[in-house]
N, C-alpha and C. Protein backbone atom coordinates (compact mmCIF):
# COMPACT_ATOMS: atom_id res chain seq x y z
N MET A 1 5.08 89.22 -86.02
CA MET A 1 6.26 88.88 -85.01
C MET A 1 6.55 90.23 -84.36
N SER A 2 6.59 90.40 -83.09
CA SER A 2 6.86 91.72 -82.74
C SER A 2 8.47 92.02 -82.66
N ASP A 3 8.79 93.34 -82.54
CA ASP A 3 10.10 93.74 -82.42
C ASP A 3 11.15 93.09 -81.63
N PHE A 4 10.50 92.97 -80.43
CA PHE A 4 11.21 92.03 -79.39
C PHE A 4 11.61 90.70 -79.77
N PHE A 5 10.77 89.98 -80.23
CA PHE A 5 11.26 88.55 -80.85
C PHE A 5 11.99 88.48 -82.09
N ARG A 6 11.82 89.51 -82.91
CA ARG A 6 12.50 89.67 -84.21
C ARG A 6 14.24 89.96 -83.74
N GLU A 7 14.36 91.07 -83.05
CA GLU A 7 15.64 91.47 -82.46
C GLU A 7 16.10 90.01 -81.68
N GLN A 8 15.46 89.34 -81.02
CA GLN A 8 16.15 88.21 -80.17
C GLN A 8 16.21 87.17 -81.19
N THR A 9 15.53 86.91 -82.05
CA THR A 9 15.83 85.84 -83.25
C THR A 9 17.11 86.17 -83.75
N GLU A 10 17.38 87.45 -84.00
CA GLU A 10 18.54 88.04 -84.83
C GLU A 10 19.79 87.72 -83.86
N ILE A 11 19.70 87.95 -82.69
CA ILE A 11 20.76 87.82 -81.52
C ILE A 11 20.92 86.13 -81.25
N ILE A 12 19.93 85.39 -81.39
CA ILE A 12 20.19 84.03 -81.41
C ILE A 12 20.91 83.50 -82.44
N GLN A 13 20.42 84.03 -83.74
CA GLN A 13 21.18 83.49 -85.00
C GLN A 13 22.64 84.10 -84.97
N GLN A 14 22.90 84.87 -84.43
CA GLN A 14 24.43 85.40 -84.24
C GLN A 14 25.12 84.68 -83.43
N PHE A 15 24.73 84.70 -82.24
CA PHE A 15 25.22 84.00 -81.11
C PHE A 15 25.20 82.80 -80.61
N GLY A 16 23.78 82.26 -80.91
CA GLY A 16 23.38 81.05 -80.53
C GLY A 16 22.46 81.26 -79.29
N TRP A 17 22.28 81.99 -78.69
CA TRP A 17 21.29 82.50 -77.48
C TRP A 17 21.24 83.91 -77.34
N ALA A 18 20.27 84.45 -76.55
CA ALA A 18 20.22 85.61 -76.06
C ALA A 18 19.80 85.49 -74.65
N VAL A 19 19.96 86.90 -74.01
CA VAL A 19 19.57 86.80 -72.58
C VAL A 19 18.50 87.99 -72.29
N VAL A 20 17.43 87.40 -71.59
CA VAL A 20 16.53 88.31 -71.34
C VAL A 20 16.18 88.65 -69.78
N HIS A 21 16.36 89.81 -69.58
CA HIS A 21 16.27 90.48 -68.04
C HIS A 21 14.88 90.66 -67.52
N VAL A 22 14.47 90.13 -66.41
CA VAL A 22 13.14 90.58 -65.76
C VAL A 22 13.47 91.29 -64.60
N LEU A 23 13.23 92.82 -64.60
CA LEU A 23 13.38 93.38 -63.52
C LEU A 23 12.04 93.62 -62.67
N PRO A 24 11.95 93.64 -61.47
CA PRO A 24 10.71 93.99 -60.57
C PRO A 24 10.40 95.22 -61.02
N SER A 25 8.86 95.45 -60.99
CA SER A 25 8.02 96.73 -61.16
C SER A 25 7.48 97.12 -59.83
N ASP A 26 7.03 98.24 -59.75
CA ASP A 26 6.26 98.79 -58.83
C ASP A 26 5.06 98.02 -58.56
N GLU A 27 4.39 97.02 -59.33
CA GLU A 27 3.50 96.36 -59.18
C GLU A 27 3.81 94.77 -58.60
N ASP A 28 5.04 94.76 -58.43
CA ASP A 28 5.34 93.41 -57.75
C ASP A 28 5.69 93.41 -56.32
N PRO A 29 5.54 92.25 -56.00
CA PRO A 29 5.60 92.23 -54.19
C PRO A 29 7.20 92.83 -53.86
N ALA A 30 7.28 93.30 -52.69
CA ALA A 30 8.47 93.91 -52.18
C ALA A 30 9.41 93.20 -52.39
N ASP A 31 9.36 91.79 -52.14
CA ASP A 31 10.53 90.98 -52.14
C ASP A 31 10.88 90.36 -53.48
N ALA A 32 10.39 90.77 -54.57
CA ALA A 32 10.76 90.35 -55.95
C ALA A 32 12.08 90.82 -56.14
N VAL A 33 12.80 89.91 -56.83
CA VAL A 33 14.24 90.07 -57.25
C VAL A 33 14.26 89.99 -58.68
N PRO A 34 15.48 90.62 -59.37
CA PRO A 34 15.68 90.65 -60.77
C PRO A 34 16.07 89.29 -61.14
N PHE A 35 15.76 88.76 -62.39
CA PHE A 35 16.46 87.61 -62.73
C PHE A 35 16.53 87.52 -64.24
N ALA A 36 17.32 86.56 -64.74
CA ALA A 36 17.65 86.70 -66.32
C ALA A 36 17.77 85.34 -66.72
N TYR A 37 17.65 84.94 -67.92
CA TYR A 37 17.63 83.71 -68.33
C TYR A 37 18.17 83.77 -69.97
N THR A 38 18.53 82.55 -70.58
CA THR A 38 18.95 82.47 -71.85
C THR A 38 17.52 82.03 -72.47
N VAL A 39 17.63 82.40 -73.94
CA VAL A 39 16.50 81.87 -74.74
C VAL A 39 17.44 81.43 -76.11
N GLY A 40 17.40 80.27 -76.45
CA GLY A 40 18.33 79.76 -77.83
C GLY A 40 18.80 78.49 -77.60
N LEU A 41 19.04 78.16 -76.26
CA LEU A 41 19.97 76.90 -76.09
C LEU A 41 18.82 75.65 -76.55
N THR A 42 17.79 75.77 -76.34
CA THR A 42 16.79 74.75 -76.43
C THR A 42 16.69 74.26 -78.06
N ALA A 43 17.16 75.41 -79.00
CA ALA A 43 17.06 75.04 -80.31
C ALA A 43 18.46 73.73 -80.54
N GLY A 44 19.17 73.87 -79.60
CA GLY A 44 20.30 72.93 -79.78
C GLY A 44 20.13 71.82 -78.92
N ASP A 45 18.98 71.46 -78.37
CA ASP A 45 18.58 70.38 -77.26
C ASP A 45 19.27 70.58 -76.00
N ARG A 46 19.54 71.96 -75.76
CA ARG A 46 19.93 72.21 -74.38
C ARG A 46 19.47 72.88 -73.27
N PRO A 47 19.31 72.65 -72.12
CA PRO A 47 18.59 73.49 -71.09
C PRO A 47 18.80 74.90 -71.31
N GLU A 48 17.76 75.79 -71.03
CA GLU A 48 17.88 77.18 -71.01
C GLU A 48 18.52 77.36 -69.60
N LEU A 49 19.15 78.52 -69.48
CA LEU A 49 19.99 78.78 -68.22
C LEU A 49 18.95 80.01 -67.56
N ILE A 50 19.14 79.85 -66.34
CA ILE A 50 18.57 81.05 -65.56
C ILE A 50 19.22 81.37 -64.21
N ILE A 51 19.15 82.69 -64.08
CA ILE A 51 19.78 82.97 -62.58
C ILE A 51 18.89 84.24 -61.77
N ALA A 52 19.01 84.36 -60.56
CA ALA A 52 17.93 85.02 -59.90
C ALA A 52 18.99 85.96 -58.70
N GLY A 53 18.61 87.00 -58.58
CA GLY A 53 18.97 87.76 -57.13
C GLY A 53 20.08 88.60 -57.35
N LEU A 54 20.65 88.53 -58.69
CA LEU A 54 21.84 89.29 -58.73
C LEU A 54 21.74 90.52 -59.66
N PRO A 55 22.34 91.67 -59.78
CA PRO A 55 22.39 92.84 -60.60
C PRO A 55 22.44 92.19 -61.92
N PRO A 56 21.52 92.88 -62.78
CA PRO A 56 21.73 92.59 -64.57
C PRO A 56 22.66 92.19 -64.90
N ASP A 57 23.77 93.10 -64.87
CA ASP A 57 24.97 93.04 -65.48
C ASP A 57 25.76 91.95 -64.95
N LEU A 58 25.75 91.41 -64.01
CA LEU A 58 26.41 90.29 -63.19
C LEU A 58 25.79 89.17 -63.78
N GLY A 59 24.26 89.21 -63.55
CA GLY A 59 23.74 87.77 -64.07
C GLY A 59 24.07 87.43 -65.54
N HIS A 60 23.97 88.83 -66.31
CA HIS A 60 24.21 88.48 -67.78
C HIS A 60 25.31 87.79 -67.84
N GLN A 61 26.64 88.31 -67.40
CA GLN A 61 27.89 87.98 -67.56
C GLN A 61 28.05 86.72 -67.31
N LEU A 62 27.40 86.06 -66.09
CA LEU A 62 27.40 84.65 -65.82
C LEU A 62 26.86 83.99 -66.67
N LEU A 63 25.70 84.14 -66.98
CA LEU A 63 24.93 83.63 -68.03
C LEU A 63 25.61 83.30 -69.41
N ASN A 64 26.04 84.40 -69.73
CA ASN A 64 26.68 84.46 -71.34
C ASN A 64 28.06 83.48 -71.16
N GLU A 65 28.71 83.60 -69.91
CA GLU A 65 30.09 82.41 -69.76
C GLU A 65 29.56 81.13 -69.84
N LEU A 66 28.43 80.82 -69.17
CA LEU A 66 27.98 79.39 -69.19
C LEU A 66 27.20 79.12 -70.42
N ALA A 67 26.59 79.99 -71.06
CA ALA A 67 25.87 79.55 -72.32
C ALA A 67 27.00 79.25 -73.31
N GLY A 68 28.03 79.99 -73.30
CA GLY A 68 29.06 79.82 -74.43
C GLY A 68 29.54 78.26 -74.13
N ARG A 69 29.92 78.05 -72.86
CA ARG A 69 30.33 76.62 -72.87
C ARG A 69 29.36 75.67 -73.36
N VAL A 70 28.17 75.93 -73.26
CA VAL A 70 27.01 74.94 -73.42
C VAL A 70 27.02 74.88 -75.12
N HIS A 71 27.08 76.36 -75.41
CA HIS A 71 26.83 76.33 -76.91
C HIS A 71 28.12 76.04 -77.67
N GLU A 72 29.01 76.50 -77.40
CA GLU A 72 30.15 76.63 -78.28
C GLU A 72 31.22 75.15 -78.09
N GLU A 73 30.97 74.74 -76.98
CA GLU A 73 31.95 73.48 -76.29
C GLU A 73 31.18 72.49 -76.07
N GLY A 74 29.87 72.33 -76.00
CA GLY A 74 28.80 71.32 -75.99
C GLY A 74 28.79 70.75 -74.47
N ALA A 75 29.38 71.64 -73.42
CA ALA A 75 29.38 71.52 -71.98
C ALA A 75 27.78 71.20 -71.70
N ARG A 76 27.65 70.11 -70.80
CA ARG A 76 26.58 69.56 -70.28
C ARG A 76 26.66 69.55 -68.62
N PHE A 77 25.75 70.14 -67.87
CA PHE A 77 25.86 70.21 -66.47
C PHE A 77 24.78 69.57 -65.86
N ARG A 78 25.16 68.27 -64.98
CA ARG A 78 23.83 67.71 -64.42
C ARG A 78 23.57 68.25 -63.06
N HIS A 79 22.40 68.02 -62.83
CA HIS A 79 21.83 68.54 -61.53
C HIS A 79 22.54 68.25 -60.37
N GLY A 80 22.96 69.69 -59.59
CA GLY A 80 23.78 69.50 -58.47
C GLY A 80 25.32 69.69 -58.59
N ARG A 81 25.67 69.79 -60.09
CA ARG A 81 26.81 70.16 -60.45
C ARG A 81 27.60 71.64 -59.86
N ARG A 82 28.82 71.26 -59.53
CA ARG A 82 29.69 72.56 -58.62
C ARG A 82 30.39 72.90 -60.11
N VAL A 83 30.09 74.41 -60.15
CA VAL A 83 31.01 74.91 -61.20
C VAL A 83 31.80 76.09 -60.42
N SER A 84 33.19 75.50 -60.57
CA SER A 84 33.99 76.58 -59.54
C SER A 84 34.96 77.56 -60.15
N ASP A 85 34.75 77.74 -61.64
CA ASP A 85 35.58 78.96 -62.13
C ASP A 85 34.69 80.05 -62.76
N LEU A 86 33.74 80.28 -62.35
CA LEU A 86 32.53 81.47 -62.82
C LEU A 86 32.85 82.67 -61.74
N ILE A 87 32.89 82.37 -60.69
CA ILE A 87 32.92 83.34 -59.43
C ILE A 87 34.31 83.22 -58.52
N ILE A 88 35.17 84.10 -58.62
CA ILE A 88 36.36 83.88 -57.87
C ILE A 88 36.08 83.29 -56.17
N ASP A 89 36.70 82.34 -55.97
CA ASP A 89 36.70 81.90 -54.60
C ASP A 89 35.33 81.13 -54.23
N GLN A 90 34.32 81.08 -55.03
CA GLN A 90 33.05 80.32 -54.76
C GLN A 90 32.59 79.93 -55.98
N ASP A 91 31.97 78.64 -55.60
CA ASP A 91 31.09 77.79 -56.47
C ASP A 91 29.91 78.27 -56.72
N VAL A 92 29.30 77.81 -58.09
CA VAL A 92 28.04 77.99 -58.38
C VAL A 92 27.37 76.66 -58.43
N VAL A 93 26.29 76.37 -57.95
CA VAL A 93 25.64 74.95 -58.33
C VAL A 93 24.74 75.04 -59.22
N ILE A 94 24.66 74.11 -60.24
CA ILE A 94 23.54 74.04 -61.14
C ILE A 94 22.55 73.14 -60.76
N VAL A 95 21.32 73.41 -60.92
CA VAL A 95 20.13 72.62 -60.44
C VAL A 95 19.31 72.61 -61.58
N SER A 96 18.55 71.44 -61.74
CA SER A 96 17.53 71.27 -62.95
C SER A 96 16.15 71.45 -62.27
N GLY A 97 15.30 71.98 -63.16
CA GLY A 97 13.80 71.81 -62.63
C GLY A 97 12.94 72.59 -63.57
N ALA A 98 11.87 73.17 -63.06
CA ALA A 98 10.86 73.69 -63.70
C ALA A 98 10.54 75.08 -63.26
N PRO A 99 10.13 76.06 -64.16
CA PRO A 99 9.82 77.46 -64.08
C PRO A 99 8.84 77.27 -62.77
N THR A 100 9.05 78.44 -61.91
CA THR A 100 8.03 79.10 -61.00
C THR A 100 7.48 80.09 -61.18
N ALA A 101 6.31 80.63 -60.42
CA ALA A 101 5.80 81.99 -60.69
C ALA A 101 6.67 83.03 -60.35
N ASP A 102 7.69 82.74 -59.48
CA ASP A 102 9.00 83.90 -59.21
C ASP A 102 9.86 83.80 -60.46
N LEU A 103 10.01 82.66 -60.89
CA LEU A 103 11.25 82.70 -62.01
C LEU A 103 10.52 81.88 -63.29
N TRP A 104 9.84 83.03 -64.11
CA TRP A 104 9.14 82.50 -65.26
C TRP A 104 9.75 82.85 -66.53
N PRO A 105 10.29 82.06 -67.19
CA PRO A 105 11.09 82.56 -68.36
C PRO A 105 10.39 82.71 -69.47
N GLY A 106 9.33 83.63 -69.58
CA GLY A 106 8.31 83.70 -70.49
C GLY A 106 8.75 83.87 -71.82
N ALA A 107 9.66 84.54 -72.52
CA ALA A 107 10.27 84.56 -73.80
C ALA A 107 10.45 83.05 -74.21
N ALA A 108 11.30 82.45 -73.52
CA ALA A 108 11.68 80.74 -73.65
C ALA A 108 10.56 80.13 -73.82
N LEU A 109 9.40 80.17 -72.94
CA LEU A 109 8.12 79.50 -72.96
C LEU A 109 7.34 79.75 -74.10
N ALA A 110 7.53 80.99 -74.78
CA ALA A 110 6.57 81.53 -75.88
C ALA A 110 7.30 80.94 -77.21
N ARG A 111 8.45 81.02 -77.23
CA ARG A 111 9.43 80.34 -78.22
C ARG A 111 9.16 79.04 -78.33
N TYR A 112 9.41 78.28 -77.34
CA TYR A 112 9.64 76.88 -77.47
C TYR A 112 8.49 75.99 -76.86
N GLY A 113 7.62 76.43 -76.08
CA GLY A 113 6.56 75.66 -75.38
C GLY A 113 6.79 75.13 -74.05
N ARG A 114 6.29 74.73 -73.15
CA ARG A 114 6.51 74.15 -71.87
C ARG A 114 6.76 72.72 -71.95
N SER A 115 6.33 72.00 -73.00
CA SER A 115 6.87 70.67 -73.24
C SER A 115 8.34 70.55 -73.45
N ARG A 116 8.61 71.50 -74.48
CA ARG A 116 9.65 71.35 -74.93
C ARG A 116 11.02 72.02 -74.08
N LEU A 117 10.94 72.78 -73.33
CA LEU A 117 11.69 73.66 -72.49
C LEU A 117 12.21 72.97 -71.36
N ARG A 118 13.34 72.82 -71.24
CA ARG A 118 14.22 72.26 -69.97
C ARG A 118 15.01 73.61 -69.42
N LEU A 119 14.97 73.65 -67.95
CA LEU A 119 15.76 74.67 -67.49
C LEU A 119 16.72 74.61 -66.34
N GLN A 120 17.90 75.22 -66.33
CA GLN A 120 19.03 74.86 -65.35
C GLN A 120 19.28 76.29 -64.58
N GLN A 121 19.14 76.07 -63.38
CA GLN A 121 19.42 77.38 -62.54
C GLN A 121 20.65 77.54 -62.02
N LEU A 122 21.35 78.79 -62.32
CA LEU A 122 22.81 78.88 -61.71
C LEU A 122 22.68 79.52 -60.53
N VAL A 123 22.81 78.72 -59.28
CA VAL A 123 22.58 79.08 -58.00
C VAL A 123 23.82 79.67 -57.27
N TRP A 124 24.01 80.45 -56.71
CA TRP A 124 25.22 81.07 -56.04
C TRP A 124 25.08 81.38 -54.60
N PRO A 125 26.34 81.48 -54.04
CA PRO A 125 26.06 81.30 -52.48
C PRO A 125 25.97 82.73 -51.69
N ASP A 126 25.83 82.72 -50.53
CA ASP A 126 25.95 84.03 -49.90
C ASP A 126 27.48 84.41 -49.67
N PRO A 127 27.82 85.43 -48.88
CA PRO A 127 29.02 85.61 -48.66
C PRO A 127 29.87 84.55 -47.62
N GLY A 128 28.98 83.88 -46.92
CA GLY A 128 29.51 82.88 -46.06
C GLY A 128 29.72 81.41 -46.95
N ASN A 129 29.44 81.34 -48.08
CA ASN A 129 29.58 80.32 -48.88
C ASN A 129 28.57 79.33 -48.45
N HIS A 130 27.34 79.80 -48.15
CA HIS A 130 26.00 78.75 -48.08
C HIS A 130 25.25 78.99 -48.99
N PHE A 131 24.68 77.87 -49.50
CA PHE A 131 23.46 77.88 -50.48
C PHE A 131 22.06 78.23 -50.31
N PRO A 132 21.02 78.45 -50.72
CA PRO A 132 19.78 78.67 -50.02
C PRO A 132 19.11 77.48 -49.66
N TRP A 133 19.45 76.18 -50.04
CA TRP A 133 18.74 75.21 -49.31
C TRP A 133 19.76 74.72 -47.89
N GLN A 134 20.76 75.42 -47.56
CA GLN A 134 21.54 75.20 -46.34
C GLN A 134 21.04 76.36 -45.21
N THR A 135 20.68 75.51 -44.14
CA THR A 135 20.06 76.43 -43.06
C THR A 135 20.80 77.64 -42.82
N ALA A 136 22.07 77.87 -42.86
CA ALA A 136 22.97 79.03 -42.69
C ALA A 136 22.86 80.11 -43.60
N TYR A 137 22.21 79.91 -44.75
CA TYR A 137 22.16 80.78 -45.77
C TYR A 137 21.35 82.09 -45.30
N ASP A 138 21.98 83.09 -45.83
CA ASP A 138 21.59 84.37 -45.27
C ASP A 138 20.47 85.03 -46.23
N ALA A 139 18.93 84.35 -46.45
CA ALA A 139 18.13 84.69 -47.17
C ALA A 139 17.34 86.04 -46.98
N ASP A 140 17.60 86.79 -45.97
CA ASP A 140 17.08 87.97 -45.82
C ASP A 140 17.84 88.96 -46.55
N ASP A 141 19.25 89.10 -46.32
CA ASP A 141 20.08 90.03 -47.38
C ASP A 141 20.33 89.61 -48.86
N TYR A 142 20.24 88.03 -49.18
CA TYR A 142 20.65 87.63 -50.55
C TYR A 142 19.40 86.70 -50.84
N ARG A 143 18.24 87.50 -51.17
CA ARG A 143 17.09 86.71 -51.71
C ARG A 143 17.52 86.18 -53.06
N GLN A 144 17.13 84.87 -53.09
CA GLN A 144 17.39 84.23 -54.35
C GLN A 144 16.58 83.03 -54.75
N PRO A 145 15.26 83.42 -55.35
CA PRO A 145 14.16 82.14 -55.35
C PRO A 145 15.04 81.07 -56.37
N LEU A 146 14.31 80.02 -56.26
CA LEU A 146 14.79 78.84 -56.77
C LEU A 146 13.68 78.31 -57.79
N ILE A 147 13.97 77.56 -58.84
CA ILE A 147 13.18 76.98 -59.65
C ILE A 147 12.68 75.67 -59.18
N ASN A 148 11.58 75.23 -59.51
CA ASN A 148 10.94 74.03 -58.78
C ASN A 148 11.99 72.88 -59.10
N ALA A 149 12.83 72.31 -58.34
CA ALA A 149 13.76 71.33 -58.43
C ALA A 149 13.69 70.50 -57.18
N ARG A 150 14.45 69.25 -57.52
CA ARG A 150 14.89 68.59 -56.24
C ARG A 150 15.91 69.05 -55.52
N SER A 151 16.22 68.63 -54.34
CA SER A 151 17.18 69.22 -53.59
C SER A 151 18.72 68.91 -54.27
N ALA A 152 19.54 70.06 -54.28
CA ALA A 152 20.80 69.85 -54.74
C ALA A 152 21.85 69.73 -53.74
N ALA A 153 21.15 69.29 -52.29
CA ALA A 153 22.25 69.20 -51.17
C ALA A 153 22.93 67.73 -51.55
N PRO A 154 24.10 67.88 -51.10
CA PRO A 154 24.90 66.55 -51.54
C PRO A 154 24.57 65.52 -50.63
N ALA A 155 24.36 64.21 -51.33
CA ALA A 155 23.68 63.18 -50.56
C ALA A 155 24.74 62.59 -49.82
N HIS A 156 24.79 62.07 -48.55
CA HIS A 156 25.83 61.18 -47.83
C HIS A 156 25.57 59.70 -47.96
N CYS A 157 26.45 59.07 -48.01
CA CYS A 157 26.53 57.55 -47.99
C CYS A 157 26.20 56.82 -46.86
N ARG A 158 25.39 56.08 -46.54
CA ARG A 158 25.00 55.44 -45.22
C ARG A 158 25.76 54.33 -44.99
N ALA A 159 26.21 53.87 -45.84
CA ALA A 159 26.85 52.46 -46.06
C ALA A 159 28.01 52.43 -46.50
N PRO A 160 29.09 51.84 -45.91
CA PRO A 160 30.50 51.78 -46.53
C PRO A 160 30.49 51.09 -47.75
N ARG A 161 31.33 51.52 -48.64
CA ARG A 161 31.42 51.14 -49.76
C ARG A 161 32.88 50.37 -49.99
N ARG A 162 33.13 49.51 -50.99
CA ARG A 162 34.66 49.14 -51.16
C ARG A 162 35.26 50.40 -51.78
N LEU A 163 36.73 50.28 -51.36
CA LEU A 163 37.61 51.03 -51.97
C LEU A 163 37.71 50.85 -53.25
N ALA A 164 38.03 51.94 -54.28
CA ALA A 164 38.28 51.76 -55.51
C ALA A 164 39.84 51.12 -55.70
N GLY A 165 40.25 50.67 -56.62
CA GLY A 165 41.54 49.99 -56.78
C GLY A 165 41.66 49.01 -57.87
N PRO A 166 42.59 48.48 -57.88
CA PRO A 166 42.54 47.27 -59.05
C PRO A 166 41.95 46.09 -58.63
N HIS A 167 41.00 45.67 -59.08
CA HIS A 167 40.45 44.38 -58.88
C HIS A 167 40.26 43.62 -60.28
N PRO A 168 40.69 42.35 -60.32
CA PRO A 168 40.37 41.67 -61.40
C PRO A 168 38.71 41.51 -61.79
N ARG A 169 38.48 41.51 -62.95
CA ARG A 169 37.06 41.24 -63.09
C ARG A 169 36.96 39.89 -63.49
N ARG A 170 35.54 39.59 -63.32
CA ARG A 170 35.35 37.94 -63.63
C ARG A 170 34.35 38.04 -64.65
N THR A 171 34.37 36.75 -65.16
CA THR A 171 33.60 36.55 -66.29
C THR A 171 32.55 35.50 -65.77
N GLY A 172 31.43 34.97 -66.51
CA GLY A 172 30.71 33.88 -65.68
C GLY A 172 31.09 32.85 -66.25
N THR A 173 32.53 32.65 -66.58
CA THR A 173 32.81 31.23 -67.24
C THR A 173 33.93 30.55 -66.26
N GLY A 174 34.17 31.31 -64.98
CA GLY A 174 34.97 30.76 -64.16
C GLY A 174 35.41 31.81 -62.91
N ARG A 175 35.46 31.14 -61.80
CA ARG A 175 35.29 31.98 -60.70
C ARG A 175 36.97 32.81 -60.53
N ASP A 176 37.91 32.15 -60.90
CA ASP A 176 39.33 32.39 -60.43
C ASP A 176 40.06 32.87 -61.68
N ARG A 177 39.55 33.25 -62.89
CA ARG A 177 39.94 33.71 -63.83
C ARG A 177 40.01 35.20 -64.25
N PRO A 178 40.57 36.05 -64.07
CA PRO A 178 40.45 37.39 -64.17
C PRO A 178 40.22 37.76 -65.73
N THR A 179 39.26 38.70 -66.19
CA THR A 179 39.31 39.35 -67.72
C THR A 179 40.20 40.36 -67.70
N PRO A 180 40.89 40.67 -68.76
CA PRO A 180 41.50 41.77 -69.10
C PRO A 180 40.57 43.29 -69.02
């Protein structure tokens, strides 16, 4: 076992997860961005978390905060969930999906394998509060590659629905008798 994986294992045993940073090198394309991801949450049957395009210290802080909620509090985040208390005055959206060539969590894949690894990305907005899947997002100044995920754009209801409110439930035994 390499020193990297040995140290990572010690951190996971102590905290429940470790954070790995991937920084662009001279050999990467000019538009490559840094990203960071967790390793260790999979052992607790939770998705690993990934974030891209932020300075390493900020990405690390955001991952640690959310990983703490997942590991210590049992928090689960569904695809498209907005988290409003990570960044002041802005939401982060959680998207679930698969790794891409731009966002490859190599240490997590090496430790758990592709079939076991689940991945959720913390997607942050630009200063105009737009997300990468929105046309107004400033992708030139705020490059943020995304994992392979279905759209996290909110779905809009096309047909009116009944308003929620107190309605008596019926059983199959009588049309006019509400059940408790």
